[in-house]
Each structure stands twice: as structure tokens, then as C-alpha cells.
């Protein structure tokens, strides 16, 4: 089964390829090289689910003539922090033009002196093929740290603390896969594939 992923994020690609090791997973950049053209996907919605579906729909429309059996998947993930009104939410990847660590430092600054540190990590994954049109999502709840902790991860892993008082960046990759919203949502998508 050929799965086309609407992402060039190296961390996401690595996770998805490991979880979908029984399938041929092609990244957006790889597909652009195959087709010899740039593939633009948009994400301008107000929820993770709608953003994932918009990206996936855009991609499917661009490639369905190339391979009618291709399955497109797109995810939208992010962190919503209670103390700042759910920010950055659907804008997690785009609210600041900087690397992950710099963005995390800025989020910590926004939360200085704020005791309402509940945060929620959501992943929504849309699947579209000629037979499927579905979105699977999962949310992991945690607490925002007061400083960056850990070095095993990407995105906001270093500021997202679990109930065991470790951040996502302090646990092993194997442990993270077991609880990651992306893993949970991908497992739901695999169930969809298995039921085809």
C-alpha cells in the first residue's frame, strides 16, 4: 500500500515511517521529485481536524491522477496552553518563524507567573483515498514546565510534562511512541486501513 504524507517535517516523517513500516510511505518532498513539480497544501482552518482534512484534500486532488490507488494522509498537531487561552493551538507550527527551542522559550516567557499551566497535545490525522474520507484524532493532557527539560524529541516535547514529572523529551523514543497522540491517531488510521 502506498501512503503519501503531506509533510516535510523530519520528526513527523521518521515517526510515521516507523509506525507504518509495512507500507510504502512517501513524503511530500519525495512526491514532488517523482512528479517534477511543487505540491502546495494549505491549512487555514480553526481546528486541528479541519486543518488536517484541508491539507489532505489539497494533496489528494493534486496527485489522484498520478496514482488512483494512492492513500493521502495529513496531520495537524499542536499544543494548547490553558493559561494563554489555548494558544498556540492550530498555530503551533507557524506562530513564530523560529526553531522549536526558540519558540518554546517564548512560550515559557508568555507563561511567566501564570499558575494555570495545563496543556493539551492534540494530533488529528486525515485519510483520503478513492474509498476513504476520515479524520482520527487524539489528545494527551499534561502540564507546561517552567523551563526546557530533556533533549530526546522535537517540537514542544521539552516543555510538555507528563503525570510522572518527566517531559516528552526526557523519556525514550519507545516510551513516547506508546503515549504519543500521533501514535494513537495513527493506530486509529491503521484500523481504518485494516477494515478496507
N, C-alpha and C. Protein backbone atom coordinates (compact mmCIF):
# COMPACT_ATOMS: atom_id res chain seq x y z
N UNK A 1 0.84 -1.18 0.00
CA UNK A 1 0.00 0.00 0.00
C UNK A 1 0.88 1.24 0.00
N UNK A 2 0.60 2.20 -0.87
CA UNK A 2 1.38 3.42 -0.99
C UNK A 2 0.67 4.55 -0.26
N UNK A 3 1.38 5.15 0.71
CA UNK A 3 0.80 6.22 1.50
C UNK A 3 1.61 7.49 1.27
N UNK A 4 0.92 8.54 0.85
CA UNK A 4 1.57 9.82 0.60
C UNK A 4 1.29 10.75 1.77
N UNK A 5 2.37 11.24 2.38
CA UNK A 5 2.29 12.04 3.59
C UNK A 5 2.44 13.52 3.26
N UNK A 6 1.48 14.33 3.66
CA UNK A 6 1.50 15.77 3.38
C UNK A 6 2.37 16.50 4.39
N UNK A 7 3.66 16.15 4.42
CA UNK A 7 4.57 16.81 5.36
C UNK A 7 6.01 16.65 4.90
N UNK A 8 6.82 17.64 5.26
CA UNK A 8 8.28 17.55 5.09
C UNK A 8 8.97 17.65 6.45
N UNK A 9 8.19 17.61 7.54
CA UNK A 9 8.75 17.67 8.89
C UNK A 9 9.49 16.37 9.18
N UNK A 10 10.81 16.47 9.37
CA UNK A 10 11.64 15.27 9.52
C UNK A 10 11.23 14.41 10.71
N UNK A 11 10.86 15.07 11.82
CA UNK A 11 10.44 14.33 13.00
C UNK A 11 9.17 13.54 12.74
N UNK A 12 8.19 14.19 12.10
CA UNK A 12 6.92 13.51 11.78
C UNK A 12 7.15 12.36 10.81
N UNK A 13 7.97 12.62 9.77
CA UNK A 13 8.23 11.58 8.76
C UNK A 13 8.86 10.36 9.40
N UNK A 14 9.83 10.60 10.29
CA UNK A 14 10.51 9.49 10.96
C UNK A 14 9.51 8.67 11.78
N UNK A 15 8.69 9.36 12.58
CA UNK A 15 7.70 8.65 13.41
C UNK A 15 6.72 7.86 12.55
N UNK A 16 6.22 8.49 11.51
CA UNK A 16 5.19 7.84 10.69
C UNK A 16 5.77 6.66 9.91
N UNK A 17 6.99 6.83 9.39
CA UNK A 17 7.62 5.71 8.66
C UNK A 17 7.86 4.52 9.59
N UNK A 18 8.23 4.79 10.84
CA UNK A 18 8.46 3.69 11.79
C UNK A 18 7.15 2.98 12.13
N UNK A 19 6.09 3.76 12.30
CA UNK A 19 4.80 3.16 12.65
C UNK A 19 4.12 2.48 11.47
N UNK A 20 4.41 2.96 10.25
CA UNK A 20 3.83 2.39 9.04
C UNK A 20 4.87 1.56 8.28
N UNK A 21 5.71 0.84 9.01
CA UNK A 21 6.82 0.13 8.34
C UNK A 21 6.35 -0.93 7.35
N UNK A 22 5.09 -1.37 7.43
CA UNK A 22 4.57 -2.36 6.49
C UNK A 22 4.06 -1.72 5.19
N UNK A 23 4.13 -0.38 5.12
CA UNK A 23 3.62 0.33 3.95
C UNK A 23 4.74 1.15 3.31
N UNK A 24 4.54 1.53 2.07
CA UNK A 24 5.47 2.45 1.41
C UNK A 24 5.00 3.87 1.70
N UNK A 25 5.78 4.59 2.53
CA UNK A 25 5.42 5.96 2.90
C UNK A 25 6.28 6.93 2.10
N UNK A 26 5.64 7.86 1.43
CA UNK A 26 6.32 8.83 0.58
C UNK A 26 6.05 10.22 1.14
N UNK A 27 7.12 10.98 1.40
CA UNK A 27 6.95 12.33 1.93
C UNK A 27 6.57 13.28 0.80
N UNK A 28 6.16 14.47 1.19
CA UNK A 28 5.76 15.49 0.21
C UNK A 28 6.92 15.80 -0.73
N UNK A 29 8.12 15.97 -0.17
CA UNK A 29 9.29 16.29 -0.99
C UNK A 29 9.61 15.16 -1.96
N UNK A 30 9.53 13.91 -1.49
CA UNK A 30 9.77 12.76 -2.37
C UNK A 30 8.76 12.72 -3.52
N UNK A 31 7.51 13.04 -3.21
CA UNK A 31 6.48 13.04 -4.25
C UNK A 31 6.70 14.16 -5.25
N UNK A 32 7.18 15.31 -4.77
CA UNK A 32 7.49 16.41 -5.67
C UNK A 32 8.58 16.01 -6.66
N UNK A 33 9.58 15.26 -6.17
CA UNK A 33 10.66 14.79 -7.04
C UNK A 33 10.13 13.80 -8.08
N UNK A 34 9.22 12.93 -7.67
CA UNK A 34 8.63 11.95 -8.59
C UNK A 34 7.83 12.67 -9.68
N UNK A 35 7.03 13.64 -9.28
CA UNK A 35 6.15 14.34 -10.22
C UNK A 35 6.85 15.47 -10.97
N UNK A 36 7.99 15.94 -10.42
CA UNK A 36 8.70 17.05 -11.04
C UNK A 36 7.99 18.37 -10.91
N UNK A 37 7.21 18.54 -9.84
CA UNK A 37 6.52 19.81 -9.62
C UNK A 37 6.30 20.04 -8.14
N UNK A 38 6.10 21.31 -7.78
CA UNK A 38 5.86 21.70 -6.39
C UNK A 38 4.41 21.39 -6.01
N UNK A 39 4.22 20.79 -4.85
CA UNK A 39 2.88 20.48 -4.35
C UNK A 39 2.59 21.40 -3.16
N UNK A 40 1.66 22.28 -3.32
CA UNK A 40 1.30 23.23 -2.26
C UNK A 40 0.03 22.75 -1.55
N UNK A 41 0.10 22.63 -0.22
CA UNK A 41 -1.10 22.28 0.54
C UNK A 41 -1.36 23.40 1.55
N UNK A 42 -2.62 23.69 1.77
CA UNK A 42 -2.98 24.79 2.67
C UNK A 42 -3.55 24.25 3.97
N UNK A 43 -3.48 25.09 5.00
CA UNK A 43 -4.08 24.77 6.29
C UNK A 43 -4.51 26.08 6.94
N UNK A 44 -5.75 26.45 6.73
CA UNK A 44 -6.22 27.76 7.19
C UNK A 44 -7.49 27.63 8.04
N UNK A 45 -7.69 26.48 8.66
CA UNK A 45 -8.91 26.22 9.44
C UNK A 45 -8.69 26.53 10.92
N UNK A 46 -9.76 26.40 11.71
CA UNK A 46 -9.68 26.79 13.12
C UNK A 46 -9.63 25.60 14.08
N UNK A 47 -9.54 24.37 13.56
CA UNK A 47 -9.35 23.20 14.44
C UNK A 47 -8.29 22.30 13.81
N UNK A 48 -7.69 21.47 14.63
CA UNK A 48 -6.70 20.52 14.13
C UNK A 48 -7.33 19.59 13.09
N UNK A 49 -8.55 19.13 13.39
CA UNK A 49 -9.23 18.19 12.50
C UNK A 49 -9.50 18.81 11.13
N UNK A 50 -9.99 20.04 11.12
CA UNK A 50 -10.29 20.71 9.85
C UNK A 50 -9.02 21.02 9.07
N UNK A 51 -7.95 21.39 9.77
CA UNK A 51 -6.67 21.66 9.11
C UNK A 51 -6.12 20.39 8.45
N UNK A 52 -6.16 19.28 9.18
CA UNK A 52 -5.66 18.02 8.62
C UNK A 52 -6.46 17.64 7.38
N UNK A 53 -7.77 17.80 7.46
CA UNK A 53 -8.62 17.45 6.33
C UNK A 53 -8.37 18.37 5.13
N UNK A 54 -8.17 19.65 5.38
CA UNK A 54 -7.89 20.58 4.28
C UNK A 54 -6.57 20.22 3.59
N UNK A 55 -5.52 19.96 4.38
CA UNK A 55 -4.22 19.58 3.80
C UNK A 55 -4.34 18.30 2.98
N UNK A 56 -5.03 17.33 3.54
CA UNK A 56 -5.17 16.03 2.89
C UNK A 56 -5.96 16.13 1.59
N UNK A 57 -7.04 16.91 1.64
CA UNK A 57 -7.87 17.09 0.44
C UNK A 57 -7.07 17.77 -0.67
N UNK A 58 -6.32 18.82 -0.31
CA UNK A 58 -5.46 19.52 -1.29
C UNK A 58 -4.50 18.53 -1.95
N UNK A 59 -3.84 17.74 -1.13
CA UNK A 59 -2.84 16.81 -1.64
C UNK A 59 -3.47 15.76 -2.54
N UNK A 60 -4.58 15.20 -2.10
CA UNK A 60 -5.24 14.16 -2.89
C UNK A 60 -5.66 14.69 -4.27
N UNK A 61 -6.18 15.91 -4.29
CA UNK A 61 -6.59 16.49 -5.57
C UNK A 61 -5.40 16.69 -6.50
N UNK A 62 -4.22 16.95 -5.94
CA UNK A 62 -3.02 17.17 -6.74
C UNK A 62 -2.42 15.87 -7.30
N UNK A 63 -2.64 14.74 -6.61
CA UNK A 63 -1.94 13.50 -7.01
C UNK A 63 -2.84 12.37 -7.47
N UNK A 64 -4.15 12.51 -7.35
CA UNK A 64 -5.02 11.37 -7.65
C UNK A 64 -4.91 10.91 -9.10
N UNK A 65 -4.58 11.82 -10.02
CA UNK A 65 -4.43 11.42 -11.43
C UNK A 65 -3.14 10.64 -11.67
N UNK A 66 -2.16 10.84 -10.79
CA UNK A 66 -0.89 10.12 -10.91
C UNK A 66 -1.06 8.65 -10.52
N UNK A 67 -1.78 8.42 -9.43
CA UNK A 67 -1.99 7.06 -8.94
C UNK A 67 -3.36 7.00 -8.26
N UNK A 68 -4.31 6.38 -8.92
CA UNK A 68 -5.68 6.37 -8.37
C UNK A 68 -5.81 5.56 -7.09
N UNK A 69 -4.81 4.73 -6.80
CA UNK A 69 -4.86 3.90 -5.58
C UNK A 69 -4.10 4.51 -4.40
N UNK A 70 -3.51 5.68 -4.61
CA UNK A 70 -2.74 6.29 -3.54
C UNK A 70 -3.66 6.66 -2.37
N UNK A 71 -3.11 6.54 -1.17
CA UNK A 71 -3.80 7.00 0.04
C UNK A 71 -3.02 8.20 0.55
N UNK A 72 -3.71 9.31 0.75
CA UNK A 72 -3.07 10.51 1.29
C UNK A 72 -3.38 10.63 2.77
N UNK A 73 -2.36 10.98 3.53
CA UNK A 73 -2.61 11.28 4.94
C UNK A 73 -1.97 12.63 5.26
N UNK A 74 -2.61 13.36 6.14
CA UNK A 74 -2.09 14.65 6.58
C UNK A 74 -2.42 14.79 8.05
N UNK A 75 -1.46 15.34 8.79
CA UNK A 75 -1.75 15.54 10.20
C UNK A 75 -1.62 17.01 10.55
N UNK A 76 -2.32 17.39 11.58
CA UNK A 76 -2.12 18.69 12.19
C UNK A 76 -2.00 18.43 13.67
N UNK A 77 -0.94 18.93 14.24
CA UNK A 77 -0.66 18.68 15.65
C UNK A 77 -0.32 19.99 16.33
N UNK A 78 -0.51 20.01 17.62
CA UNK A 78 -0.10 21.21 18.34
C UNK A 78 -0.39 21.12 19.81
N UNK A 79 0.04 22.15 20.48
CA UNK A 79 -0.14 22.25 21.92
C UNK A 79 -1.06 23.44 22.20
N UNK A 80 -2.00 23.22 23.09
CA UNK A 80 -2.89 24.30 23.53
C UNK A 80 -2.66 24.49 25.03
N UNK A 81 -2.32 25.71 25.41
CA UNK A 81 -1.96 26.00 26.80
C UNK A 81 -3.10 26.79 27.46
N UNK A 82 -3.62 26.22 28.56
CA UNK A 82 -4.80 26.81 29.21
C UNK A 82 -4.58 28.25 29.64
N UNK A 83 -3.42 28.54 30.22
CA UNK A 83 -3.16 29.85 30.81
C UNK A 83 -3.07 30.99 29.81
N UNK A 84 -2.96 30.67 28.52
CA UNK A 84 -2.93 31.73 27.50
C UNK A 84 -4.01 31.46 26.44
N UNK A 85 -5.17 31.03 26.95
CA UNK A 85 -6.36 30.89 26.10
C UNK A 85 -6.26 29.84 25.02
N UNK A 86 -5.49 28.79 25.27
CA UNK A 86 -5.38 27.72 24.28
C UNK A 86 -4.33 27.99 23.21
N UNK A 87 -3.60 29.09 23.35
CA UNK A 87 -2.53 29.42 22.42
C UNK A 87 -1.38 28.43 22.59
N UNK A 88 -0.61 28.09 21.57
CA UNK A 88 -0.74 28.49 20.17
C UNK A 88 -1.74 27.66 19.36
N UNK A 89 -2.19 26.51 19.88
CA UNK A 89 -3.24 25.74 19.22
C UNK A 89 -2.90 25.40 17.79
N UNK A 90 -3.83 25.68 16.87
CA UNK A 90 -3.63 25.32 15.45
C UNK A 90 -2.48 26.10 14.82
N UNK A 91 -1.97 27.11 15.53
CA UNK A 91 -0.85 27.89 15.00
C UNK A 91 0.50 27.42 15.56
N UNK A 92 0.53 26.28 16.23
CA UNK A 92 1.75 25.80 16.89
C UNK A 92 2.97 25.83 15.97
N UNK A 93 2.81 25.35 14.75
CA UNK A 93 3.95 25.27 13.83
C UNK A 93 4.30 26.62 13.20
N UNK A 94 3.35 27.59 13.21
CA UNK A 94 3.53 28.78 12.40
C UNK A 94 3.48 30.11 13.16
N UNK A 95 3.25 30.09 14.46
CA UNK A 95 3.01 31.36 15.16
C UNK A 95 4.27 32.22 15.25
N UNK A 96 5.43 31.58 15.07
CA UNK A 96 6.69 32.32 15.14
C UNK A 96 7.67 31.68 14.17
N UNK A 97 8.37 32.50 13.41
CA UNK A 97 9.34 31.98 12.44
C UNK A 97 10.67 31.76 13.15
N UNK A 98 10.78 30.59 13.79
CA UNK A 98 11.99 30.27 14.56
C UNK A 98 12.06 28.76 14.75
N UNK A 99 13.19 28.29 15.26
CA UNK A 99 13.32 26.86 15.54
C UNK A 99 12.49 26.50 16.77
N UNK A 100 12.28 25.19 16.96
CA UNK A 100 11.41 24.71 18.04
C UNK A 100 11.85 25.23 19.41
N UNK A 101 13.14 25.15 19.69
CA UNK A 101 13.64 25.54 21.02
C UNK A 101 13.36 27.02 21.29
N UNK A 102 13.60 27.86 20.30
CA UNK A 102 13.35 29.30 20.45
C UNK A 102 11.87 29.56 20.71
N UNK A 103 11.01 28.87 19.98
CA UNK A 103 9.56 29.03 20.19
C UNK A 103 9.17 28.59 21.61
N UNK A 104 9.77 27.50 22.08
CA UNK A 104 9.46 27.02 23.43
C UNK A 104 9.87 28.03 24.49
N UNK A 105 11.02 28.66 24.30
CA UNK A 105 11.48 29.71 25.24
C UNK A 105 10.47 30.86 25.26
N UNK A 106 9.96 31.23 24.08
CA UNK A 106 8.99 32.32 24.02
C UNK A 106 7.67 31.94 24.70
N UNK A 107 7.25 30.68 24.53
CA UNK A 107 6.04 30.23 25.22
C UNK A 107 6.23 30.27 26.73
N UNK A 108 7.40 29.87 27.19
CA UNK A 108 7.69 29.92 28.63
C UNK A 108 7.63 31.37 29.13
N UNK A 109 8.14 32.30 28.34
CA UNK A 109 8.08 33.72 28.73
C UNK A 109 6.62 34.19 28.83
N UNK A 110 5.79 33.77 27.87
CA UNK A 110 4.37 34.15 27.89
C UNK A 110 3.68 33.63 29.15
N UNK A 111 4.20 32.52 29.70
CA UNK A 111 3.57 31.89 30.86
C UNK A 111 4.20 32.28 32.19
N UNK A 112 5.18 33.16 32.17
CA UNK A 112 5.84 33.57 33.43
C UNK A 112 4.82 34.11 34.42
N UNK A 113 4.83 33.55 35.64
CA UNK A 113 3.92 34.00 36.68
C UNK A 113 2.51 33.46 36.57
N UNK A 114 2.25 32.66 35.57
CA UNK A 114 0.91 32.11 35.35
C UNK A 114 0.86 30.69 35.92
N UNK A 115 -0.05 30.46 36.87
CA UNK A 115 -0.13 29.14 37.51
C UNK A 115 -1.06 28.18 36.76
N UNK A 116 -1.78 28.67 35.78
CA UNK A 116 -2.71 27.83 35.02
C UNK A 116 -1.94 27.15 33.88
N UNK A 117 -1.19 26.08 34.22
CA UNK A 117 -0.21 25.52 33.31
C UNK A 117 -0.68 24.23 32.62
N UNK A 118 -1.97 23.94 32.70
CA UNK A 118 -2.48 22.77 31.98
C UNK A 118 -2.25 22.95 30.48
N UNK A 119 -1.87 21.86 29.80
CA UNK A 119 -1.68 21.94 28.35
C UNK A 119 -2.13 20.64 27.70
N UNK A 120 -2.41 20.72 26.43
CA UNK A 120 -3.03 19.60 25.73
C UNK A 120 -2.37 19.44 24.36
N UNK A 121 -1.87 18.26 24.12
CA UNK A 121 -1.17 17.94 22.87
C UNK A 121 -2.12 17.11 22.01
N UNK A 122 -2.54 17.68 20.90
CA UNK A 122 -3.51 17.02 20.02
C UNK A 122 -2.88 16.71 18.67
N UNK A 123 -3.18 15.54 18.15
CA UNK A 123 -2.86 15.21 16.76
C UNK A 123 -4.14 14.76 16.08
N UNK A 124 -4.40 15.35 14.93
CA UNK A 124 -5.51 14.92 14.07
C UNK A 124 -4.90 14.45 12.75
N UNK A 125 -5.31 13.28 12.30
CA UNK A 125 -4.81 12.74 11.04
C UNK A 125 -5.97 12.46 10.11
N UNK A 126 -5.91 13.08 8.94
CA UNK A 126 -6.93 12.85 7.92
C UNK A 126 -6.41 11.83 6.92
N UNK A 127 -7.32 10.99 6.44
CA UNK A 127 -7.00 9.99 5.41
C UNK A 127 -7.98 10.19 4.27
N UNK A 128 -7.44 10.29 3.06
CA UNK A 128 -8.31 10.38 1.89
C UNK A 128 -7.76 9.47 0.79
N UNK A 129 -8.64 8.67 0.25
CA UNK A 129 -8.35 7.87 -0.94
C UNK A 129 -9.65 7.80 -1.72
N UNK A 130 -9.67 6.99 -2.77
CA UNK A 130 -10.92 6.90 -3.52
C UNK A 130 -12.02 6.23 -2.69
N UNK A 131 -11.63 5.51 -1.61
CA UNK A 131 -12.62 4.81 -0.78
C UNK A 131 -12.73 5.36 0.65
N UNK A 132 -11.87 6.28 1.03
CA UNK A 132 -11.82 6.73 2.43
C UNK A 132 -11.86 8.25 2.49
N UNK A 133 -12.56 8.77 3.49
CA UNK A 133 -12.51 10.19 3.83
C UNK A 133 -12.79 10.26 5.33
N UNK A 134 -11.72 10.31 6.12
CA UNK A 134 -11.89 10.18 7.57
C UNK A 134 -10.81 10.97 8.30
N UNK A 135 -11.16 11.42 9.52
CA UNK A 135 -10.19 12.08 10.39
C UNK A 135 -10.18 11.36 11.73
N UNK A 136 -8.98 11.02 12.20
CA UNK A 136 -8.80 10.39 13.52
C UNK A 136 -8.00 11.36 14.38
N UNK A 137 -8.42 11.56 15.63
CA UNK A 137 -7.67 12.48 16.49
C UNK A 137 -7.58 11.94 17.92
N UNK A 138 -6.54 12.43 18.60
CA UNK A 138 -6.29 12.01 19.98
C UNK A 138 -5.60 13.16 20.71
N UNK A 139 -5.93 13.34 22.00
CA UNK A 139 -5.33 14.40 22.81
C UNK A 139 -4.69 13.81 24.06
N UNK A 140 -3.47 14.26 24.35
CA UNK A 140 -2.75 13.90 25.57
C UNK A 140 -2.70 15.15 26.45
N UNK A 141 -3.11 15.01 27.71
CA UNK A 141 -3.11 16.14 28.64
C UNK A 141 -1.84 16.13 29.48
N UNK A 142 -1.33 17.31 29.77
CA UNK A 142 -0.13 17.42 30.59
C UNK A 142 -0.07 18.78 31.26
N UNK A 143 1.13 19.14 31.69
CA UNK A 143 1.36 20.42 32.37
C UNK A 143 2.59 21.05 31.72
N UNK A 144 2.52 22.34 31.51
CA UNK A 144 3.66 23.05 30.93
C UNK A 144 4.73 23.28 31.99
N UNK A 145 5.97 23.00 31.63
CA UNK A 145 7.08 23.19 32.56
C UNK A 145 7.37 24.69 32.74
N UNK A 146 8.33 25.00 33.60
CA UNK A 146 8.78 26.39 33.76
C UNK A 146 10.11 26.61 33.06
N UNK A 147 10.69 25.53 32.51
CA UNK A 147 11.94 25.63 31.74
C UNK A 147 12.01 24.45 30.78
N UNK A 148 12.88 24.53 29.79
CA UNK A 148 13.06 23.43 28.83
C UNK A 148 13.83 22.30 29.51
N UNK A 149 13.29 21.08 29.40
CA UNK A 149 13.92 19.93 30.06
C UNK A 149 13.95 18.76 29.08
N UNK A 150 15.15 18.18 28.89
CA UNK A 150 15.29 16.98 28.07
C UNK A 150 15.77 17.30 26.67
N UNK A 151 16.31 16.28 26.01
CA UNK A 151 16.84 16.51 24.66
C UNK A 151 16.47 15.40 23.67
N UNK A 152 15.50 14.56 24.04
CA UNK A 152 15.08 13.49 23.13
C UNK A 152 13.69 13.83 22.60
N UNK A 153 13.65 14.53 21.51
CA UNK A 153 12.35 14.88 20.95
C UNK A 153 12.45 16.05 20.02
N UNK A 154 11.29 16.57 19.66
CA UNK A 154 11.23 17.74 18.78
C UNK A 154 9.96 18.50 19.12
N UNK A 155 9.75 19.62 18.43
CA UNK A 155 8.55 20.41 18.72
C UNK A 155 8.59 20.92 20.16
N UNK A 156 7.48 20.75 20.85
CA UNK A 156 7.34 21.27 22.22
C UNK A 156 7.58 20.18 23.27
N UNK A 157 8.19 19.05 22.87
CA UNK A 157 8.41 17.94 23.80
C UNK A 157 9.13 18.38 25.09
N UNK A 158 10.05 19.33 24.97
CA UNK A 158 10.88 19.72 26.12
C UNK A 158 10.13 20.59 27.14
N UNK A 159 8.90 21.02 26.81
CA UNK A 159 8.13 21.83 27.77
C UNK A 159 6.81 21.16 28.16
N UNK A 160 6.58 19.95 27.67
CA UNK A 160 5.33 19.24 27.96
C UNK A 160 5.60 18.15 29.00
N UNK A 161 5.09 18.38 30.23
CA UNK A 161 5.36 17.44 31.33
C UNK A 161 4.20 16.47 31.52
N UNK A 162 4.57 15.22 31.68
CA UNK A 162 3.61 14.14 31.90
C UNK A 162 3.30 13.97 33.38
N UNK A 163 2.29 13.16 33.73
CA UNK A 163 1.97 12.96 35.15
C UNK A 163 3.13 12.35 35.97
N UNK A 164 4.09 11.70 35.29
CA UNK A 164 5.24 11.11 36.02
C UNK A 164 6.35 12.13 36.26
N UNK A 165 6.06 13.42 36.01
CA UNK A 165 7.01 14.52 36.19
C UNK A 165 8.21 14.48 35.26
N UNK A 166 8.07 13.80 34.14
CA UNK A 166 9.08 13.82 33.08
C UNK A 166 8.46 14.48 31.85
N UNK A 167 9.30 15.20 31.10
CA UNK A 167 8.79 15.77 29.85
C UNK A 167 8.84 14.72 28.75
N UNK A 168 8.15 15.01 27.66
CA UNK A 168 8.20 14.11 26.50
C UNK A 168 9.63 14.00 25.96
N UNK A 169 10.46 15.00 26.23
CA UNK A 169 11.85 14.98 25.76
C UNK A 169 12.78 14.24 26.72
N UNK A 170 12.25 13.78 27.86
CA UNK A 170 13.08 13.03 28.81
C UNK A 170 12.86 11.53 28.74
N UNK A 171 11.80 11.11 28.09
CA UNK A 171 11.52 9.68 28.01
C UNK A 171 12.11 9.11 26.72
N UNK A 172 12.23 7.80 26.68
CA UNK A 172 12.80 7.17 25.49
C UNK A 172 11.84 7.27 24.32
N UNK A 173 12.38 7.12 23.13
CA UNK A 173 11.54 7.15 21.93
C UNK A 173 10.46 6.08 22.00
N UNK A 174 10.82 4.90 22.51
CA UNK A 174 9.86 3.79 22.63
C UNK A 174 8.73 4.16 23.58
N UNK A 175 9.08 4.78 24.72
CA UNK A 175 8.05 5.20 25.68
C UNK A 175 7.15 6.27 25.07
N UNK A 176 7.77 7.19 24.34
CA UNK A 176 6.99 8.27 23.73
C UNK A 176 6.00 7.70 22.71
N UNK A 177 6.44 6.74 21.90
CA UNK A 177 5.55 6.15 20.90
C UNK A 177 4.30 5.56 21.54
N UNK A 178 4.46 5.01 22.75
CA UNK A 178 3.33 4.35 23.40
C UNK A 178 2.23 5.33 23.80
N UNK A 179 2.60 6.58 24.11
CA UNK A 179 1.62 7.54 24.60
C UNK A 179 1.36 8.71 23.65
N UNK A 180 2.18 8.82 22.62
CA UNK A 180 2.09 9.96 21.70
C UNK A 180 0.73 10.04 21.02
N UNK A 181 0.12 11.24 21.01
CA UNK A 181 -1.13 11.40 20.27
C UNK A 181 -0.99 11.04 18.79
N UNK A 182 0.21 11.31 18.21
CA UNK A 182 0.40 10.93 16.81
C UNK A 182 0.32 9.41 16.67
N UNK A 183 0.96 8.68 17.60
CA UNK A 183 0.90 7.22 17.56
C UNK A 183 -0.53 6.74 17.72
N UNK A 184 -1.24 7.30 18.70
CA UNK A 184 -2.62 6.88 18.95
C UNK A 184 -3.51 7.15 17.73
N UNK A 185 -3.35 8.34 17.13
CA UNK A 185 -4.15 8.67 15.95
C UNK A 185 -3.77 7.78 14.77
N UNK A 186 -2.46 7.50 14.62
CA UNK A 186 -2.01 6.62 13.54
C UNK A 186 -2.54 5.19 13.72
N UNK A 187 -2.60 4.74 14.98
CA UNK A 187 -3.16 3.41 15.23
C UNK A 187 -4.62 3.36 14.79
N UNK A 188 -5.35 4.47 15.02
CA UNK A 188 -6.74 4.54 14.56
C UNK A 188 -6.80 4.47 13.03
N UNK A 189 -5.85 5.13 12.36
CA UNK A 189 -5.87 5.10 10.88
C UNK A 189 -5.54 3.70 10.37
N UNK A 190 -4.67 2.99 11.09
CA UNK A 190 -4.34 1.63 10.67
C UNK A 190 -5.56 0.71 10.77
N UNK A 191 -6.39 0.97 11.78
CA UNK A 191 -7.63 0.21 11.90
C UNK A 191 -8.54 0.47 10.70
N UNK A 192 -8.55 1.73 10.25
CA UNK A 192 -9.34 2.08 9.06
C UNK A 192 -8.83 1.30 7.84
N UNK A 193 -7.49 1.26 7.67
CA UNK A 193 -6.91 0.51 6.55
C UNK A 193 -7.25 -0.97 6.63
N UNK A 194 -7.14 -1.51 7.85
CA UNK A 194 -7.39 -2.95 8.03
C UNK A 194 -8.84 -3.33 7.76
N UNK A 195 -9.74 -2.37 7.88
CA UNK A 195 -11.16 -2.64 7.65
C UNK A 195 -11.57 -2.43 6.20
N UNK A 196 -10.62 -2.05 5.35
CA UNK A 196 -10.95 -1.85 3.93
C UNK A 196 -11.33 -3.18 3.29
